[in-house]
């Protein structure tokens, strides 16, 4: 979920149900069966969830559900760690030493 004014948006009970089933790894047809709705309705719900929370795929939906379902203390710790952890520096290739000559083959 995005970090802006939508942070205060809470999933509806139906969205939570759907997000939980996605997090469990169910396919659309199995979600439809579980919720007694059509696969088209499942796809519509998934599209709505992705738009509402600015997500791009099912994995992000599962992560968003897991974070939402996590205890508040854990969510606070994760948010705090996110703000204070410096971005990792990219790995650098070993420097070539132009002063060292190698023997020809």
N, C-alpha and C. Protein backbone atom coordinates (compact mmCIF):
# COMPACT_ATOMS: atom_id res chain seq x y z
N UNK A 1 0.85 -1.17 0.00
CA UNK A 1 0.00 0.00 0.00
C UNK A 1 0.90 1.23 0.00
N UNK A 2 0.43 2.25 -0.59
CA UNK A 2 1.25 3.45 -0.72
C UNK A 2 1.34 4.18 0.61
N UNK A 3 2.36 5.04 0.72
CA UNK A 3 2.56 5.81 1.95
C UNK A 3 2.13 7.24 1.74
N UNK A 4 0.84 7.47 1.67
CA UNK A 4 0.34 8.83 1.55
C UNK A 4 -1.02 8.88 2.21
N UNK A 5 -1.89 9.72 1.72
CA UNK A 5 -3.20 9.87 2.35
C UNK A 5 -3.98 8.55 2.37
N UNK A 6 -3.63 7.58 1.52
CA UNK A 6 -4.34 6.30 1.50
C UNK A 6 -3.94 5.40 2.66
N UNK A 7 -2.93 5.80 3.46
CA UNK A 7 -2.54 4.98 4.60
C UNK A 7 -3.71 4.80 5.56
N UNK A 8 -4.60 5.78 5.61
CA UNK A 8 -5.72 5.70 6.55
C UNK A 8 -6.86 4.84 6.00
N UNK A 9 -6.77 4.42 4.75
CA UNK A 9 -7.81 3.58 4.16
C UNK A 9 -7.66 2.17 4.71
N UNK A 10 -8.74 1.64 5.24
CA UNK A 10 -8.73 0.29 5.77
C UNK A 10 -9.48 -0.62 4.81
N UNK A 11 -8.98 -1.84 4.60
CA UNK A 11 -9.70 -2.76 3.72
C UNK A 11 -11.08 -3.09 4.27
N UNK A 12 -12.03 -3.24 3.37
CA UNK A 12 -13.37 -3.68 3.77
C UNK A 12 -13.29 -5.14 4.19
N UNK A 13 -14.30 -5.65 4.88
CA UNK A 13 -14.27 -7.08 5.25
C UNK A 13 -14.11 -7.99 4.03
N UNK A 14 -14.77 -7.66 2.92
CA UNK A 14 -14.67 -8.49 1.71
C UNK A 14 -13.25 -8.41 1.12
N UNK A 15 -12.67 -7.21 1.13
CA UNK A 15 -11.30 -7.06 0.63
C UNK A 15 -10.34 -7.87 1.49
N UNK A 16 -10.53 -7.84 2.81
CA UNK A 16 -9.67 -8.62 3.71
C UNK A 16 -9.78 -10.10 3.41
N UNK A 17 -11.02 -10.58 3.18
CA UNK A 17 -11.23 -11.99 2.84
C UNK A 17 -10.46 -12.36 1.58
N UNK A 18 -10.62 -11.54 0.56
CA UNK A 18 -9.97 -11.80 -0.71
C UNK A 18 -8.45 -11.73 -0.57
N UNK A 19 -7.96 -10.72 0.14
CA UNK A 19 -6.51 -10.58 0.33
C UNK A 19 -5.95 -11.78 1.09
N UNK A 20 -6.70 -12.29 2.07
CA UNK A 20 -6.24 -13.44 2.83
C UNK A 20 -6.13 -14.67 1.93
N UNK A 21 -7.12 -14.87 1.06
CA UNK A 21 -7.10 -16.02 0.17
C UNK A 21 -5.96 -15.90 -0.85
N UNK A 22 -5.69 -14.70 -1.31
CA UNK A 22 -4.55 -14.48 -2.21
C UNK A 22 -3.26 -14.79 -1.46
N UNK A 23 -3.17 -14.32 -0.21
CA UNK A 23 -1.97 -14.56 0.61
C UNK A 23 -1.78 -16.05 0.86
N UNK A 24 -2.85 -16.81 0.90
CA UNK A 24 -2.76 -18.26 1.07
C UNK A 24 -2.34 -18.95 -0.23
N UNK A 25 -2.29 -18.19 -1.33
CA UNK A 25 -1.82 -18.75 -2.60
C UNK A 25 -2.91 -19.32 -3.48
N UNK A 26 -4.17 -19.04 -3.17
CA UNK A 26 -5.26 -19.59 -3.98
C UNK A 26 -5.35 -18.89 -5.33
N UNK A 27 -5.74 -19.67 -6.34
CA UNK A 27 -5.99 -19.13 -7.67
C UNK A 27 -7.39 -18.51 -7.70
N UNK A 28 -7.63 -17.70 -8.73
CA UNK A 28 -8.93 -17.02 -8.85
C UNK A 28 -10.10 -18.00 -8.78
N UNK A 29 -9.99 -19.15 -9.48
CA UNK A 29 -11.12 -20.09 -9.49
C UNK A 29 -11.39 -20.65 -8.10
N UNK A 30 -10.32 -20.87 -7.31
CA UNK A 30 -10.50 -21.37 -5.94
C UNK A 30 -11.05 -20.29 -5.01
N UNK A 31 -10.62 -19.05 -5.24
CA UNK A 31 -11.16 -17.93 -4.46
C UNK A 31 -12.64 -17.78 -4.76
N UNK A 32 -13.00 -17.88 -6.04
CA UNK A 32 -14.41 -17.78 -6.45
C UNK A 32 -15.24 -18.86 -5.75
N UNK A 33 -14.72 -20.07 -5.72
CA UNK A 33 -15.43 -21.18 -5.07
C UNK A 33 -15.59 -20.91 -3.58
N UNK A 34 -14.51 -20.49 -2.92
CA UNK A 34 -14.54 -20.22 -1.47
C UNK A 34 -15.56 -19.13 -1.12
N UNK A 35 -15.59 -18.07 -1.94
CA UNK A 35 -16.46 -16.93 -1.63
C UNK A 35 -17.83 -17.02 -2.29
N UNK A 36 -18.01 -18.09 -3.07
CA UNK A 36 -19.30 -18.31 -3.78
C UNK A 36 -19.65 -17.13 -4.69
N UNK A 37 -18.62 -16.70 -5.46
CA UNK A 37 -18.79 -15.64 -6.45
C UNK A 37 -18.15 -16.11 -7.75
N UNK A 38 -18.36 -15.38 -8.82
CA UNK A 38 -17.77 -15.78 -10.10
C UNK A 38 -16.30 -15.36 -10.18
N UNK A 39 -15.57 -16.01 -11.09
CA UNK A 39 -14.17 -15.63 -11.31
C UNK A 39 -14.07 -14.19 -11.80
N UNK A 40 -15.05 -13.75 -12.60
CA UNK A 40 -15.05 -12.36 -13.06
C UNK A 40 -15.16 -11.39 -11.88
N UNK A 41 -15.96 -11.73 -10.90
CA UNK A 41 -16.10 -10.88 -9.71
C UNK A 41 -14.79 -10.87 -8.93
N UNK A 42 -14.12 -12.02 -8.85
CA UNK A 42 -12.82 -12.08 -8.17
C UNK A 42 -11.84 -11.15 -8.87
N UNK A 43 -11.78 -11.23 -10.20
CA UNK A 43 -10.87 -10.36 -10.96
C UNK A 43 -11.20 -8.89 -10.73
N UNK A 44 -12.49 -8.58 -10.68
CA UNK A 44 -12.91 -7.19 -10.44
C UNK A 44 -12.45 -6.73 -9.05
N UNK A 45 -12.64 -7.59 -8.04
CA UNK A 45 -12.20 -7.24 -6.68
C UNK A 45 -10.69 -7.02 -6.64
N UNK A 46 -9.94 -7.91 -7.30
CA UNK A 46 -8.49 -7.79 -7.31
C UNK A 46 -8.07 -6.49 -7.98
N UNK A 47 -8.70 -6.16 -9.09
CA UNK A 47 -8.40 -4.90 -9.77
C UNK A 47 -8.70 -3.70 -8.89
N UNK A 48 -9.82 -3.75 -8.18
CA UNK A 48 -10.19 -2.66 -7.28
C UNK A 48 -9.18 -2.51 -6.14
N UNK A 49 -8.75 -3.63 -5.58
CA UNK A 49 -7.76 -3.60 -4.50
C UNK A 49 -6.45 -3.00 -5.01
N UNK A 50 -6.03 -3.43 -6.20
CA UNK A 50 -4.77 -2.92 -6.74
C UNK A 50 -4.84 -1.41 -6.99
N UNK A 51 -5.97 -0.95 -7.51
CA UNK A 51 -6.12 0.50 -7.74
C UNK A 51 -6.18 1.27 -6.43
N UNK A 52 -6.99 0.78 -5.50
CA UNK A 52 -7.21 1.47 -4.23
C UNK A 52 -5.90 1.65 -3.46
N UNK A 53 -5.07 0.61 -3.47
CA UNK A 53 -3.83 0.64 -2.68
C UNK A 53 -2.59 0.84 -3.54
N UNK A 54 -2.80 1.11 -4.81
CA UNK A 54 -1.69 1.33 -5.76
C UNK A 54 -0.70 0.18 -5.76
N UNK A 55 -1.23 -1.03 -5.89
CA UNK A 55 -0.41 -2.23 -5.95
C UNK A 55 -0.34 -2.70 -7.40
N UNK A 56 0.67 -3.50 -7.70
CA UNK A 56 0.87 -3.91 -9.09
C UNK A 56 0.66 -5.39 -9.34
N UNK A 57 0.63 -6.21 -8.29
CA UNK A 57 0.47 -7.65 -8.52
C UNK A 57 -0.05 -8.35 -7.27
N UNK A 58 -0.32 -9.63 -7.41
CA UNK A 58 -0.89 -10.42 -6.31
C UNK A 58 0.09 -10.54 -5.13
N UNK A 59 1.37 -10.60 -5.43
CA UNK A 59 2.36 -10.70 -4.36
C UNK A 59 2.28 -9.48 -3.45
N UNK A 60 2.14 -8.31 -4.05
CA UNK A 60 2.01 -7.10 -3.25
C UNK A 60 0.73 -7.11 -2.43
N UNK A 61 -0.33 -7.69 -2.98
CA UNK A 61 -1.58 -7.81 -2.21
C UNK A 61 -1.33 -8.70 -0.99
N UNK A 62 -0.63 -9.82 -1.19
CA UNK A 62 -0.36 -10.74 -0.09
C UNK A 62 0.50 -10.07 0.98
N UNK A 63 1.49 -9.30 0.55
CA UNK A 63 2.36 -8.60 1.50
C UNK A 63 1.56 -7.54 2.27
N UNK A 64 0.72 -6.80 1.54
CA UNK A 64 -0.10 -5.78 2.19
C UNK A 64 -1.02 -6.42 3.23
N UNK A 65 -1.60 -7.57 2.90
CA UNK A 65 -2.46 -8.27 3.85
C UNK A 65 -1.67 -8.70 5.07
N UNK A 66 -0.48 -9.27 4.84
CA UNK A 66 0.34 -9.75 5.96
C UNK A 66 0.72 -8.59 6.88
N UNK A 67 1.08 -7.45 6.28
CA UNK A 67 1.44 -6.30 7.10
C UNK A 67 0.23 -5.75 7.84
N UNK A 68 -0.93 -5.74 7.18
CA UNK A 68 -2.14 -5.24 7.83
C UNK A 68 -2.55 -6.16 8.98
N UNK A 69 -2.33 -7.46 8.79
CA UNK A 69 -2.73 -8.43 9.82
C UNK A 69 -1.70 -8.52 10.94
N UNK A 70 -0.50 -7.98 10.71
CA UNK A 70 0.55 -8.03 11.73
C UNK A 70 0.17 -7.17 12.93
N UNK A 71 0.67 -7.51 14.10
CA UNK A 71 0.40 -6.69 15.28
C UNK A 71 0.92 -5.27 15.08
N UNK A 72 0.24 -4.32 15.67
CA UNK A 72 0.59 -2.91 15.53
C UNK A 72 2.05 -2.65 15.93
N UNK A 73 2.52 -3.32 16.96
CA UNK A 73 3.91 -3.10 17.41
C UNK A 73 4.90 -3.50 16.32
N UNK A 74 4.63 -4.59 15.62
CA UNK A 74 5.52 -5.02 14.54
C UNK A 74 5.47 -4.03 13.38
N UNK A 75 4.27 -3.56 13.05
CA UNK A 75 4.16 -2.57 11.96
C UNK A 75 4.92 -1.30 12.30
N UNK A 76 4.84 -0.87 13.57
CA UNK A 76 5.58 0.32 14.00
C UNK A 76 7.08 0.10 13.87
N UNK A 77 7.54 -1.08 14.31
CA UNK A 77 8.97 -1.40 14.23
C UNK A 77 9.44 -1.41 12.77
N UNK A 78 8.64 -1.98 11.90
CA UNK A 78 9.01 -2.02 10.47
C UNK A 78 9.06 -0.61 9.89
N UNK A 79 8.11 0.21 10.25
CA UNK A 79 8.09 1.59 9.75
C UNK A 79 9.30 2.36 10.27
N UNK A 80 9.64 2.16 11.52
CA UNK A 80 10.79 2.84 12.12
C UNK A 80 12.08 2.38 11.45
N UNK A 81 12.22 1.09 11.22
CA UNK A 81 13.42 0.54 10.58
C UNK A 81 13.54 1.05 9.15
N UNK A 82 12.41 1.20 8.48
CA UNK A 82 12.41 1.68 7.10
C UNK A 82 12.95 3.10 7.02
N UNK A 83 12.65 3.92 8.00
CA UNK A 83 13.09 5.32 8.01
C UNK A 83 14.56 5.46 8.37
N UNK A 84 15.10 4.54 9.17
CA UNK A 84 16.44 4.71 9.70
C UNK A 84 17.49 3.83 9.03
N UNK A 85 17.10 2.95 8.16
CA UNK A 85 18.05 2.07 7.50
C UNK A 85 18.57 2.75 6.24
N UNK A 86 19.88 2.99 6.17
CA UNK A 86 20.40 3.60 4.95
C UNK A 86 20.31 2.63 3.78
N UNK A 87 20.14 3.17 2.61
CA UNK A 87 20.07 2.34 1.41
C UNK A 87 21.41 1.64 1.21
N UNK A 88 21.38 0.36 0.81
CA UNK A 88 22.64 -0.34 0.60
C UNK A 88 23.41 0.28 -0.56
N UNK A 89 24.73 0.31 -0.41
CA UNK A 89 25.56 0.87 -1.47
C UNK A 89 25.74 -0.20 -2.55
N UNK A 90 25.74 0.20 -3.81
CA UNK A 90 25.93 -0.79 -4.88
C UNK A 90 27.34 -1.37 -4.81
N UNK A 91 27.46 -2.63 -5.17
CA UNK A 91 28.76 -3.29 -5.18
C UNK A 91 29.61 -2.69 -6.29
N UNK A 92 30.88 -2.53 -6.01
CA UNK A 92 31.78 -1.96 -7.01
C UNK A 92 32.70 -3.04 -7.54
N UNK A 93 32.99 -2.97 -8.83
CA UNK A 93 33.93 -3.90 -9.44
C UNK A 93 35.32 -3.59 -8.92
N UNK A 94 36.18 -4.60 -8.81
CA UNK A 94 37.54 -4.33 -8.36
C UNK A 94 38.23 -3.36 -9.32
N UNK A 95 38.98 -2.44 -8.77
CA UNK A 95 39.64 -1.43 -9.58
C UNK A 95 40.77 -2.08 -10.38
N UNK A 96 40.88 -1.69 -11.62
CA UNK A 96 41.97 -2.15 -12.47
C UNK A 96 43.20 -1.31 -12.15
N UNK A 97 44.31 -1.94 -11.95
CA UNK A 97 45.55 -1.22 -11.66
C UNK A 97 46.31 -1.06 -12.96
N UNK A 98 46.31 0.16 -13.55
CA UNK A 98 46.95 0.32 -14.85
C UNK A 98 48.47 0.21 -14.77
N UNK A 99 49.05 0.30 -13.60
CA UNK A 99 50.51 0.22 -13.46
C UNK A 99 51.04 -1.21 -13.51
N UNK A 100 50.17 -2.21 -13.36
CA UNK A 100 50.61 -3.59 -13.34
C UNK A 100 50.49 -4.17 -14.74
N UNK A 101 51.59 -4.68 -15.26
CA UNK A 101 51.60 -5.28 -16.59
C UNK A 101 51.60 -6.78 -16.45
N UNK A 102 50.89 -7.43 -17.34
CA UNK A 102 50.86 -8.90 -17.34
C UNK A 102 51.64 -9.38 -18.56
N UNK A 103 52.17 -10.58 -18.43
CA UNK A 103 52.94 -11.17 -19.53
C UNK A 103 52.00 -11.55 -20.66
N UNK A 104 52.40 -11.35 -21.90
CA UNK A 104 51.57 -11.76 -23.02
C UNK A 104 51.44 -13.27 -23.07
N UNK A 105 50.34 -13.75 -23.62
CA UNK A 105 50.09 -15.21 -23.71
C UNK A 105 50.98 -15.87 -24.70
